[in-house]
């Protein structure tokens, strides 16, 4: 198998149904001194604003459930709780309407049912730089991932994303 000194992803990690599996797949192709650079949407400044941050229990549950496609809950969160994606408005404190729209949720249920187990794209994970750092550290401490956060950069004003550098430890 080929190995790499650098693996780069931009707006990919949050789409993974099983985050731990993804991290382990990347770790398997990194050289011992390599790193994984990720650009991740900061949920405070994108359409994930009202969804709430992901937590370690959800990440571990998805892994032990061997999730390969998004759960109905993930599809409902994306369709029913998401808001606008205007980064400038988010930075100004305008996050849009937080009301739950039953029609959007009904549409998500119908889409998930019609998919018959096929992948539907969605954000499975919502992070801020701090929450991402804490989850990656915890996964490493638990022995569930070889990757450790070398550096997690804060979201630059006016931007929708933060960057993190992960490395095998």
Protein backbone atom coordinates (compact mmCIF):
# COMPACT_ATOMS: atom_id res chain seq x y z
CA UNK A 1 0.00 0.00 0.00
CA UNK A 2 1.23 3.49 -0.82
CA UNK A 3 1.89 5.85 2.07
CA UNK A 4 1.89 9.63 2.10
CA UNK A 5 3.53 12.41 4.09
CA UNK A 6 0.43 14.57 3.71
CA UNK A 7 -3.25 13.84 3.29
CA UNK A 8 -5.45 16.89 2.79
CA UNK A 9 -9.22 17.14 2.95
CA UNK A 10 -11.48 20.12 2.69
CA UNK A 11 -15.08 19.91 3.89
CA UNK A 12 -14.97 16.09 3.87
CA UNK A 13 -14.59 14.91 7.45
CA UNK A 14 -18.01 16.19 8.55
CA UNK A 15 -19.69 14.03 5.88
CA UNK A 16 -18.28 10.71 7.16
CA UNK A 17 -20.96 8.42 8.65
CA UNK A 18 -18.25 6.76 10.80
CA UNK A 19 -15.68 9.36 11.79
CA UNK A 20 -13.44 6.88 13.62
CA UNK A 21 -13.28 4.56 10.61
CA UNK A 22 -12.37 7.52 8.41
CA UNK A 23 -9.60 8.64 10.76
CA UNK A 24 -8.19 5.12 10.91
CA UNK A 25 -8.26 4.79 7.12
CA UNK A 26 -6.27 8.00 6.80
CA UNK A 27 -3.84 6.95 9.56
CA UNK A 28 -3.20 3.70 7.67
CA UNK A 29 -1.86 5.57 4.62
CA UNK A 30 0.24 8.14 6.50
CA UNK A 31 3.96 7.73 7.01
CA UNK A 32 4.99 7.69 10.69
CA UNK A 33 5.92 11.38 10.41
CA UNK A 34 3.08 12.32 8.07
CA UNK A 35 0.07 14.49 8.83
CA UNK A 36 -3.56 14.87 7.93
CA UNK A 37 -4.61 18.47 7.26
CA UNK A 38 -8.34 19.03 7.45
CA UNK A 39 -10.46 22.06 6.66
CA UNK A 40 -13.73 21.78 8.56
CA UNK A 41 -16.81 24.02 8.59
CA UNK A 42 -17.25 25.81 11.90
CA UNK A 43 -20.86 25.11 12.79
CA UNK A 44 -21.26 28.59 14.26
CA UNK A 45 -20.86 30.14 10.79
CA UNK A 46 -22.64 27.78 8.40
CA UNK A 47 -26.03 26.15 7.89
CA UNK A 48 -25.32 23.79 10.83
CA UNK A 49 -25.67 26.65 13.32
CA UNK A 50 -28.85 25.39 15.04
CA UNK A 51 -28.02 21.67 14.94
CA UNK A 52 -25.78 21.61 18.01
CA UNK A 53 -22.27 20.28 18.39
CA UNK A 54 -21.41 16.63 17.95
CA UNK A 55 -20.28 14.76 21.02
CA UNK A 56 -17.99 11.83 21.77
CA UNK A 57 -20.89 9.48 22.52
CA UNK A 58 -22.38 10.00 19.04
CA UNK A 59 -19.01 9.48 17.37
CA UNK A 60 -18.36 6.24 19.25
CA UNK A 61 -21.92 5.01 18.68
CA UNK A 62 -21.61 5.53 14.92
CA UNK A 63 -18.36 3.55 14.92
CA UNK A 64 -19.58 0.59 16.95
CA UNK A 65 -22.78 0.57 14.88
CA UNK A 66 -20.50 0.31 11.81
CA UNK A 67 -22.44 3.13 10.20
CA UNK A 68 -21.79 3.32 6.45
CA UNK A 69 -24.67 5.63 5.56
CA UNK A 70 -26.21 8.47 7.51
CA UNK A 71 -28.89 7.72 10.06
CA UNK A 72 -32.40 9.03 9.73
CA UNK A 73 -31.60 11.38 12.62
CA UNK A 74 -28.71 12.90 10.69
CA UNK A 75 -30.88 13.45 7.61
CA UNK A 76 -33.61 15.03 9.74
CA UNK A 77 -31.10 17.33 11.47
CA UNK A 78 -29.70 18.48 8.13
CA UNK A 79 -33.09 19.06 6.51
CA UNK A 80 -35.12 20.21 9.49
CA UNK A 81 -32.69 22.20 11.62
CA UNK A 82 -30.31 23.79 9.11
CA UNK A 83 -30.39 27.48 8.27
CA UNK A 84 -28.90 29.80 5.65
CA UNK A 85 -25.27 29.44 4.59
CA UNK A 86 -24.33 33.13 4.33
CA UNK A 87 -21.10 33.36 6.33
CA UNK A 88 -21.18 37.16 6.53
CA UNK A 89 -24.65 37.11 8.08
CA UNK A 90 -23.54 34.47 10.61
CA UNK A 91 -20.53 36.57 11.66
CA UNK A 92 -22.90 39.53 12.13
CA UNK A 93 -25.09 37.43 14.44
CA UNK A 94 -27.92 36.82 11.95
CA UNK A 95 -28.44 33.07 11.98
CA UNK A 96 -31.86 33.06 10.39
CA UNK A 97 -34.98 31.32 11.60
CA UNK A 98 -34.60 28.53 14.15
CA UNK A 99 -38.21 27.35 13.89
CA UNK A 100 -38.69 23.67 13.17
CA UNK A 101 -40.50 23.18 9.86
CA UNK A 102 -42.55 19.96 9.89
CA UNK A 103 -42.65 19.95 6.07
CA UNK A 104 -38.84 19.87 5.86
CA UNK A 105 -38.71 17.05 8.39
CA UNK A 106 -41.41 15.10 6.55
CA UNK A 107 -39.40 15.56 3.35
CA UNK A 108 -36.25 14.23 5.08
CA UNK A 109 -38.13 11.15 6.31
CA UNK A 110 -39.48 10.52 2.82
CA UNK A 111 -36.03 10.95 1.23
CA UNK A 112 -34.43 8.59 3.75
CA UNK A 113 -37.18 5.98 3.28
CA UNK A 114 -36.96 6.21 -0.51
CA UNK A 115 -33.17 5.81 -0.40
CA UNK A 116 -33.60 2.17 0.71
CA UNK A 117 -30.27 2.22 2.53
CA UNK A 118 -28.30 4.14 -0.11
CA UNK A 119 -26.02 7.01 0.92
CA UNK A 120 -27.60 10.46 1.19
CA UNK A 121 -25.07 13.25 1.59
CA UNK A 122 -25.28 15.24 4.82
CA UNK A 123 -23.17 16.71 7.58
CA UNK A 124 -22.99 13.97 10.18
CA UNK A 125 -20.76 16.02 12.49
CA UNK A 126 -20.87 19.59 13.68
CA UNK A 127 -17.75 21.13 15.17
CA UNK A 128 -16.08 24.26 16.44
CA UNK A 129 -12.29 24.25 16.71
CA UNK A 130 -12.51 23.49 20.44
CA UNK A 131 -15.07 20.69 20.12
CA UNK A 132 -13.10 19.09 17.28
CA UNK A 133 -9.86 19.21 19.29
CA UNK A 134 -11.58 17.66 22.32
CA UNK A 135 -13.17 14.82 20.35
CA UNK A 136 -9.98 13.95 18.46
CA UNK A 137 -7.98 13.99 21.71
CA UNK A 138 -10.54 11.76 23.41
CA UNK A 139 -10.59 9.27 20.52
CA UNK A 140 -6.80 9.07 20.71
CA UNK A 141 -6.80 8.67 24.51
CA UNK A 142 -9.39 5.88 24.19
CA UNK A 143 -7.21 4.07 21.65
CA UNK A 144 -9.89 4.41 18.98
CA UNK A 145 -7.74 6.54 16.67
CA UNK A 146 -3.98 6.79 16.12
CA UNK A 147 -4.36 10.40 15.06
CA UNK A 148 -3.74 13.18 17.53
CA UNK A 149 -4.36 16.93 16.99
CA UNK A 150 -0.97 18.59 16.55
CA UNK A 151 -2.64 21.95 15.98
CA UNK A 152 -6.18 23.20 15.63
CA UNK A 153 -6.40 26.72 14.29
CA UNK A 154 -9.19 29.10 15.24
CA UNK A 155 -11.67 30.14 12.59
CA UNK A 156 -10.49 33.32 10.89
CA UNK A 157 -12.95 36.20 11.10
CA UNK A 158 -15.26 36.18 8.09
CA UNK A 159 -14.46 32.55 7.25
CA UNK A 160 -16.66 29.48 7.42
CA UNK A 161 -13.92 26.97 8.25
CA UNK A 162 -11.08 26.14 10.57
CA UNK A 163 -8.01 24.03 9.90
CA UNK A 164 -6.56 21.21 11.97
CA UNK A 165 -3.36 19.22 11.59
CA UNK A 166 -3.60 15.62 12.82
CA UNK A 167 -0.69 13.21 13.06
CA UNK A 168 -0.04 9.65 14.17
CA UNK A 169 1.08 9.53 17.78
